[in-house]
Protein backbone atom coordinates (compact mmCIF):
# COMPACT_ATOMS: atom_id res chain seq x y z
CA MET A 1 62.91 40.58 45.30
CA THR A 2 61.23 37.55 46.84
CA THR A 3 61.13 36.94 50.59
CA ASP A 4 63.59 34.06 50.23
CA GLU A 5 66.04 36.30 48.35
CA LEU A 6 65.70 39.01 50.99
CA ILE A 7 66.43 36.48 53.72
CA ALA A 8 69.49 35.30 51.81
CA VAL A 9 70.78 38.87 51.42
CA LEU A 10 70.39 39.55 55.14
CA ARG A 11 72.05 36.24 56.02
CA LEU A 12 75.10 37.28 54.02
CA GLN A 13 75.02 40.71 55.61
CA ASN A 14 74.97 39.16 59.09
CA ILE A 15 77.97 36.84 58.70
CA PRO A 16 80.98 38.54 60.38
CA ASN A 17 83.66 37.51 57.86
CA ILE A 18 81.61 38.35 54.79
CA GLY A 19 81.57 42.06 54.07
CA ASP A 20 79.86 43.88 51.22
CA VAL A 21 82.68 43.30 48.74
CA THR A 22 82.88 39.56 49.40
CA ALA A 23 79.10 39.17 49.44
CA LYS A 24 78.81 40.77 46.01
CA LYS A 25 81.58 38.49 44.74
CA LEU A 26 79.70 35.43 45.99
CA ILE A 27 76.38 36.60 44.55
CA THR A 28 77.91 37.47 41.19
CA HIS A 29 79.64 34.11 40.95
CA CYS A 30 76.62 32.05 42.01
CA GLY A 31 74.00 34.09 40.18
CA SER A 32 71.74 35.09 43.08
CA PRO A 33 71.74 35.46 46.88
CA THR A 34 69.87 32.19 47.41
CA ALA A 35 72.24 30.33 45.06
CA VAL A 36 75.15 31.16 47.38
CA PHE A 37 73.60 28.98 50.07
CA ASP A 38 72.67 26.23 47.60
CA ASP A 39 76.21 25.88 46.26
CA THR A 40 78.78 23.52 47.75
CA MET A 41 81.63 24.69 49.91
CA LYS A 42 84.00 23.07 47.44
CA ASN A 43 82.75 25.25 44.60
CA LEU A 44 82.71 28.40 46.69
CA LEU A 45 86.34 27.89 47.68
CA LYS A 46 87.28 27.98 44.00
CA ILE A 47 86.32 31.68 43.91
CA ASP A 48 89.35 33.95 43.95
CA GLY A 49 89.86 35.46 47.40
CA ILE A 50 87.38 33.15 49.17
CA GLY A 51 88.85 30.99 51.94
CA THR A 52 87.50 28.65 54.57
CA LEU A 53 87.62 31.35 57.24
CA THR A 54 85.50 33.67 55.10
CA ILE A 55 82.60 31.27 54.60
CA ARG A 56 82.95 29.27 57.80
CA GLY A 57 79.70 30.59 59.26
CA LEU A 58 77.74 30.49 56.01
CA HIS A 59 75.27 27.86 57.18
CA ASP A 60 75.13 28.73 60.88
CA ALA A 61 71.55 28.59 62.11
CA GLU A 62 71.92 31.82 64.10
CA HIS A 63 72.39 33.88 60.94
CA LEU A 64 69.35 32.35 59.27
CA GLU A 65 67.22 32.95 62.36
CA ALA A 66 68.39 36.56 62.66
CA ALA A 67 67.66 37.21 58.98
CA GLU A 68 64.19 35.67 59.21
CA ASN A 69 63.36 37.79 62.25
CA GLU A 70 64.51 40.97 60.54
CA VAL A 71 62.55 40.16 57.39
CA GLN A 72 59.46 39.67 59.51
CA TYR A 73 60.05 43.11 61.04
CA ILE A 74 60.47 44.62 57.54
CA LEU A 75 57.20 43.07 56.35
CA ASP A 76 55.27 43.98 59.49
CA HIS A 77 56.36 47.63 59.30
CA ASP A 78 56.22 47.95 55.51
CA ILE A 79 59.82 49.13 55.28
CA ALA A 80 61.04 49.95 51.78
CA TYR A 81 64.43 48.76 50.61
CA THR A 82 66.62 48.74 47.52
CA TYR A 83 69.11 46.05 46.49
CA PHE A 84 72.49 47.00 45.01
CA THR A 85 71.47 45.87 41.50
CA ASP A 86 68.05 47.59 41.54
CA THR A 87 67.43 50.55 39.25
CA ASP A 88 66.40 52.75 42.17
CA TYR A 89 69.59 52.07 44.13
CA PRO A 90 71.52 55.38 44.45
CA ARG A 91 73.41 55.63 41.18
CA TYR A 92 76.59 57.17 42.58
CA LEU A 93 76.70 54.71 45.47
CA LYS A 94 76.30 51.81 43.05
CA HIS A 95 79.77 52.57 41.65
CA CYS A 96 81.43 52.16 45.07
CA ILE A 97 82.98 48.73 45.53
CA ASP A 98 82.02 48.54 49.22
CA SER A 99 78.52 49.97 48.92
CA PRO A 100 75.87 48.21 51.04
CA LEU A 101 74.19 45.10 49.69
CA ILE A 102 70.87 46.58 50.63
CA LEU A 103 69.61 49.97 51.78
CA PHE A 104 66.48 50.48 53.84
CA LYS A 105 64.71 53.74 53.17
CA LYS A 106 61.87 55.92 54.33
CA GLY A 107 60.50 59.10 52.86
CA ASN A 108 59.72 60.68 49.53
CA PHE A 109 62.65 61.01 47.16
CA ASP A 110 63.86 59.93 43.73
CA LEU A 111 67.60 60.21 43.10
CA LYS A 112 67.47 59.61 39.35
CA GLU A 113 69.03 62.40 37.27
CA ARG A 114 69.42 64.65 40.30
CA LYS A 115 72.28 66.81 41.48
CA ILE A 116 73.41 65.48 44.87
CA ILE A 117 75.88 66.90 47.38
CA SER A 118 76.89 65.79 50.86
CA ILE A 119 77.51 68.39 53.55
CA VAL A 120 79.32 67.34 56.72
CA GLY A 121 81.32 68.82 59.56
CA THR A 122 81.82 69.22 63.25
CA ARG A 123 79.12 68.73 65.85
CA ASN A 124 80.30 72.02 67.38
CA ILE A 125 79.38 74.31 64.52
CA THR A 126 80.34 77.96 65.01
CA SER A 127 78.52 81.09 63.88
CA TYR A 128 81.02 81.29 61.00
CA GLY A 129 80.13 77.76 59.90
CA MET A 130 76.41 78.43 60.21
CA ALA A 131 76.61 81.59 58.12
CA PHE A 132 78.68 79.93 55.40
CA CYS A 133 76.39 76.89 55.29
CA GLU A 134 73.28 79.05 54.96
CA THR A 135 74.76 81.22 52.20
CA LEU A 136 76.09 78.20 50.32
CA ILE A 137 72.77 76.36 50.29
CA GLU A 138 70.80 79.51 49.48
CA ASP A 139 73.04 80.19 46.48
CA LEU A 140 72.84 76.59 45.29
CA ALA A 141 69.06 76.40 45.74
CA PRO A 142 68.18 77.55 42.17
CA LEU A 143 69.91 74.41 40.87
CA ASP A 144 67.72 72.21 43.10
CA PRO A 145 70.36 69.82 44.52
CA ILE A 146 69.55 67.12 47.06
CA VAL A 147 71.48 67.69 50.30
CA VAL A 148 72.76 64.53 52.01
CA SER A 149 74.09 64.46 55.55
CA GLY A 150 74.15 62.40 58.72
CA PHE A 151 71.28 64.01 60.69
CA ALA A 152 73.73 64.49 63.57
CA TYR A 153 74.42 67.49 65.78
CA GLY A 154 76.12 70.56 64.36
CA VAL A 155 76.83 70.96 60.67
CA ASP A 156 74.71 67.96 59.64
CA ILE A 157 71.39 69.08 61.06
CA HIS A 158 72.05 72.73 60.24
CA ALA A 159 72.64 71.84 56.57
CA GLN A 160 69.49 69.73 56.44
CA LYS A 161 67.32 72.35 58.15
CA THR A 162 68.66 75.02 55.79
CA ALA A 163 67.92 72.81 52.80
CA LEU A 164 64.32 72.43 53.95
CA LYS A 165 64.09 76.19 54.50
CA HIS A 166 64.97 76.76 50.84
CA GLY A 167 62.63 74.09 49.50
CA LEU A 168 65.33 71.51 48.79
CA GLU A 169 65.09 67.78 49.41
CA THR A 170 67.42 66.37 52.03
CA ILE A 171 68.39 62.82 52.96
CA GLY A 172 69.66 61.71 56.35
CA CYS A 173 72.02 58.73 56.43
CA LEU A 174 71.49 56.93 59.72
CA ALA A 175 73.90 54.82 61.78
CA HIS A 176 71.10 52.63 63.14
CA GLY A 177 67.81 51.10 62.06
CA LEU A 178 64.77 53.05 60.89
CA ASN A 179 62.94 52.14 64.10
CA GLN A 180 64.70 54.90 66.05
CA ILE A 181 66.25 58.36 65.72
CA TYR A 182 69.57 59.47 67.14
CA PRO A 183 70.00 61.99 68.58
CA LYS A 184 66.48 61.86 70.01
CA VAL A 185 66.22 65.65 70.09
CA HIS A 186 66.17 65.62 66.27
CA ALA A 187 62.94 63.61 66.21
CA ARG A 188 61.13 66.95 65.80
CA TYR A 189 62.52 67.22 62.24
CA VAL A 190 61.67 63.70 61.08
CA ASP A 191 58.23 64.40 59.57
CA GLU A 192 59.42 67.38 57.55
CA VAL A 193 62.46 65.48 56.26
CA GLU A 194 60.31 62.52 55.24
CA LYS A 195 57.97 64.84 53.32
CA ASN A 196 60.89 66.52 51.53
CA GLY A 197 63.45 63.74 51.18
CA GLY A 198 63.88 60.99 53.72
CA PHE A 199 66.26 58.61 55.42
CA VAL A 200 68.47 55.71 54.35
CA THR A 201 70.39 53.12 56.33
CA GLU A 202 72.01 49.74 55.92
CA PHE A 203 71.40 48.86 59.56
CA TRP A 204 68.75 46.55 60.97
CA SER A 205 66.10 47.31 63.55
CA THR A 206 68.34 45.55 66.09
CA SER A 207 71.26 47.94 65.48
CA ASN A 208 72.17 50.64 67.98
CA PRO A 209 73.96 53.94 67.19
CA ASP A 210 77.37 52.55 68.13
CA ARG A 211 80.58 54.36 67.19
CA GLU A 212 81.61 51.81 64.55
CA ASN A 213 78.22 52.22 62.85
CA PHE A 214 78.83 55.94 62.37
CA LEU A 215 82.15 55.19 60.70
CA ARG A 216 80.45 52.69 58.35
CA ARG A 217 77.66 55.17 57.71
CA ASN A 218 80.18 57.75 56.49
CA ARG A 219 80.92 55.77 53.32
CA ILE A 220 77.24 56.01 52.36
CA ILE A 221 77.28 59.79 52.82
CA ALA A 222 80.41 60.03 50.65
CA GLY A 223 79.20 57.52 48.09
CA MET A 224 75.69 58.84 47.48
CA SER A 225 76.78 62.22 46.18
CA GLU A 226 78.81 63.89 43.47
CA ALA A 227 80.82 65.83 46.03
CA THR A 228 81.39 66.10 49.76
CA ILE A 229 81.62 69.53 51.35
CA VAL A 230 83.27 69.86 54.77
CA ILE A 231 82.06 73.05 56.44
CA GLU A 232 84.07 72.91 59.68
CA SER A 233 86.19 70.27 61.43
CA ALA A 234 88.76 69.97 64.16
CA GLU A 235 92.03 68.16 63.42
CA LYS A 236 90.27 64.83 63.92
CA GLY A 237 86.66 63.93 63.31
CA GLY A 238 84.17 61.84 61.41
CA SER A 239 83.80 64.43 58.65
CA LEU A 240 87.49 64.00 57.79
CA VAL A 241 86.89 60.25 57.51
CA THR A 242 84.04 61.01 55.13
CA ALA A 243 86.33 63.27 53.09
CA ASP A 244 88.99 60.54 52.88
CA ILE A 245 86.39 58.03 51.72
CA ALA A 246 85.08 60.46 49.11
CA ASN A 247 88.64 60.88 47.83
CA SER A 248 89.02 57.11 47.63
CA TYR A 249 85.85 57.04 45.49
CA ASP A 250 87.42 59.67 43.22
CA ARG A 251 84.73 62.19 44.12
CA GLU A 252 85.23 65.91 44.48
CA VAL A 253 85.87 67.14 48.02
CA PHE A 254 85.49 70.76 49.13
CA ALA A 255 86.59 72.34 52.40
CA VAL A 256 85.80 75.75 53.84
CA PRO A 257 88.98 77.57 54.92
CA GLY A 258 89.23 79.38 58.24
CA ARG A 259 91.68 81.25 60.42
CA ALA A 260 94.79 79.29 61.37
CA GLN A 261 94.08 79.61 65.09
CA ASP A 262 90.44 78.48 64.91
CA LYS A 263 90.02 74.96 66.32
CA TYR A 264 87.15 74.00 64.06
CA SER A 265 88.85 75.24 60.91
CA SER A 266 92.04 73.24 61.41
CA GLY A 267 90.66 70.07 59.81
CA CYS A 268 89.46 71.93 56.72
CA ASN A 269 92.70 73.89 56.44
CA ASN A 270 94.67 70.65 56.59
CA LEU A 271 92.53 69.07 53.86
CA ILE A 272 93.29 72.03 51.62
CA LYS A 273 96.97 72.14 52.57
CA GLN A 274 97.37 68.41 51.86
CA GLN A 275 95.51 68.82 48.54
CA LYS A 276 92.78 66.46 49.68
CA ALA A 277 90.09 69.08 49.07
CA HIS A 278 89.38 72.11 46.92
CA MET A 279 89.14 75.35 48.84
CA ILE A 280 85.59 76.65 48.64
CA THR A 281 84.73 80.29 49.24
CA SER A 282 81.32 80.39 47.56
CA ALA A 283 78.71 78.33 45.74
CA ALA A 284 80.37 79.38 42.47
CA ASP A 285 83.32 77.10 43.25
CA VAL A 286 81.01 74.09 43.57
CA ILE A 287 79.10 74.96 40.41
CA TYR A 288 82.27 75.39 38.38
CA LEU A 289 84.14 72.30 39.52
CA LEU A 290 81.09 70.04 39.23
CA ASN A 291 80.30 71.54 35.82
CA TRP A 292 76.72 72.24 36.83
CA GLU A 293 74.54 74.46 34.71
CA LEU A 294 74.31 77.94 36.13
CA GLU A 295 70.68 78.24 35.13
CA PRO A 296 68.19 75.64 36.39
CA LYS A 297 66.16 73.85 33.75
CA ASP A 298 62.57 74.87 33.03
CA THR A 299 63.03 78.36 34.49
CA LYS A 300 63.55 81.77 32.97
CA PRO A 301 67.17 82.88 32.66
CA ILE A 302 68.37 84.98 35.56
CA GLN A 303 68.51 88.61 34.44
CA PRO A 304 71.60 90.62 35.39
CA GLN A 305 70.98 93.11 38.16
CA LEU A 306 70.77 96.76 37.15
CA PHE A 307 73.07 97.87 39.95
CA VAL A 308 75.64 95.25 40.94
CA GLU A 309 78.24 95.89 43.59
CA LEU A 310 81.71 94.83 42.47
CA ASP A 311 84.83 94.74 44.60
CA ASP A 312 88.08 96.29 43.34
CA ILE A 313 89.32 93.15 41.55
CA GLU A 314 85.92 92.44 39.97
CA GLN A 315 85.71 96.05 38.79
CA LYS A 316 89.21 95.84 37.32
CA ILE A 317 88.39 92.68 35.37
CA TYR A 318 85.01 94.03 34.24
CA CYS A 319 86.53 97.28 32.91
CA TYR A 320 89.26 95.27 31.16
CA LEU A 321 86.73 93.01 29.42
CA GLN A 322 84.59 95.98 28.43
CA LYS A 323 87.62 97.59 26.79
CA GLU A 324 89.33 94.54 25.28
CA GLY A 325 86.32 92.38 24.46
CA LYS A 326 86.40 88.58 24.59
CA GLN A 327 89.48 87.18 26.36
CA ILE A 328 90.70 83.86 27.75
CA LEU A 329 91.52 83.32 31.43
CA ASP A 330 95.30 83.36 31.03
CA THR A 331 95.25 86.62 29.09
CA ILE A 332 92.97 88.28 31.62
CA ALA A 333 95.29 87.24 34.46
CA LEU A 334 98.39 88.44 32.58
CA ASP A 335 97.03 91.81 31.49
CA CYS A 336 95.36 92.53 34.84
CA GLN A 337 98.49 91.39 36.70
CA LEU A 338 96.55 88.98 38.91
CA PRO A 339 97.16 85.31 39.86
CA ILE A 340 95.29 82.84 37.67
CA PHE A 341 93.59 81.16 40.66
CA LYS A 342 92.28 84.54 41.82
CA VAL A 343 90.99 85.45 38.38
CA SER A 344 89.34 82.05 38.02
CA SER A 345 87.36 82.33 41.26
CA THR A 346 86.54 86.00 40.60
CA LEU A 347 85.17 85.22 37.13
CA LEU A 348 82.86 82.64 38.66
CA THR A 349 81.56 85.15 41.18
CA MET A 350 81.06 87.73 38.44
CA GLU A 351 79.25 85.18 36.32
CA MET A 352 76.88 84.50 39.21
CA LYS A 353 76.29 88.26 39.50
CA GLY A 354 75.39 88.35 35.82
CA VAL A 355 78.03 90.86 34.72
CA ILE A 356 80.09 88.51 32.54
CA ARG A 357 79.37 85.33 30.63
CA PRO A 358 81.52 82.38 29.50
CA LEU A 359 81.81 81.60 25.80
CA PRO A 360 83.03 78.59 23.79
CA GLY A 361 86.79 78.30 23.65
CA LYS A 362 87.17 79.24 27.32
CA LEU A 363 86.53 82.88 26.52
CA PHE A 364 84.82 85.43 28.76
CA GLU A 365 83.09 88.68 27.89
CA ALA A 366 81.40 91.51 29.77
CA VAL A 367 77.61 91.57 29.63
């Protein structure tokens, strides 16, 4: 992208009545960002959905000056960026109609052909949430997913620190420019994140971490990944907004259930109750519903443990499969007199333990 094109993109981004959807419509119609400003108002008004109010400030000098100043900052500080049509633009985010025109980035990551999940939740993470988050990421680690979050207090930073602990890349989506870090106390983690992932933002160096920026930032968290996992949330919160956005993008949403009386489980319980999220009790649920391979590529197959502890239901299913041989899910549930949903989740857990294996035709057999 040339400097003139970058200026044109930022000009469009800075005009109040032109959002990401409208800007892309203008660029697509005119052929390039600079062509939008070269075209006549008469021609632009012929575009479906474009009115005089929308493009009223198109040629205001203040937007040009602001864009030129920001471009100078980008060049002076060697800030990397990716345009929404570039090949290195996050592939999942590219499919979102309101994805940012441009993303600024810092760090060391490549999203191509990678498994990507977003983990979000309350700023007031409990010991229950911490334990679940740590177990989840540890169990997913062999599949080498990238963990995306908001680098905020609570669930966000705990998920990203845990990802780093297990050698996974993590990306922080910021609600401000790359020239600062919020909250400041998390500055201690910046270097490690940049070495093993990085940061992305659509915001300029002049942007502050205002409330509305966090709400806009949430669509990037939801859009960058295959699935959004809500660890804990009160009845209201930014993580629920992220979950709603992920649903609107037709992405998978998972929520961790909790006790009915627990404040920071109420949001997750409501997501599950309203069928806005799958209930997640282990990493196996994520692996199954995202259709991920259970064995990471380029590694030796995981050998079944010699002595595996099975609970009563797992033992019942295992003994049944040993006796009856290959069976489908419905038959297992019927003969073992168990609900299908329970058998389904139990089979996944047993598969992770290496005591059963799935076969073509939706069959399962004991190992």
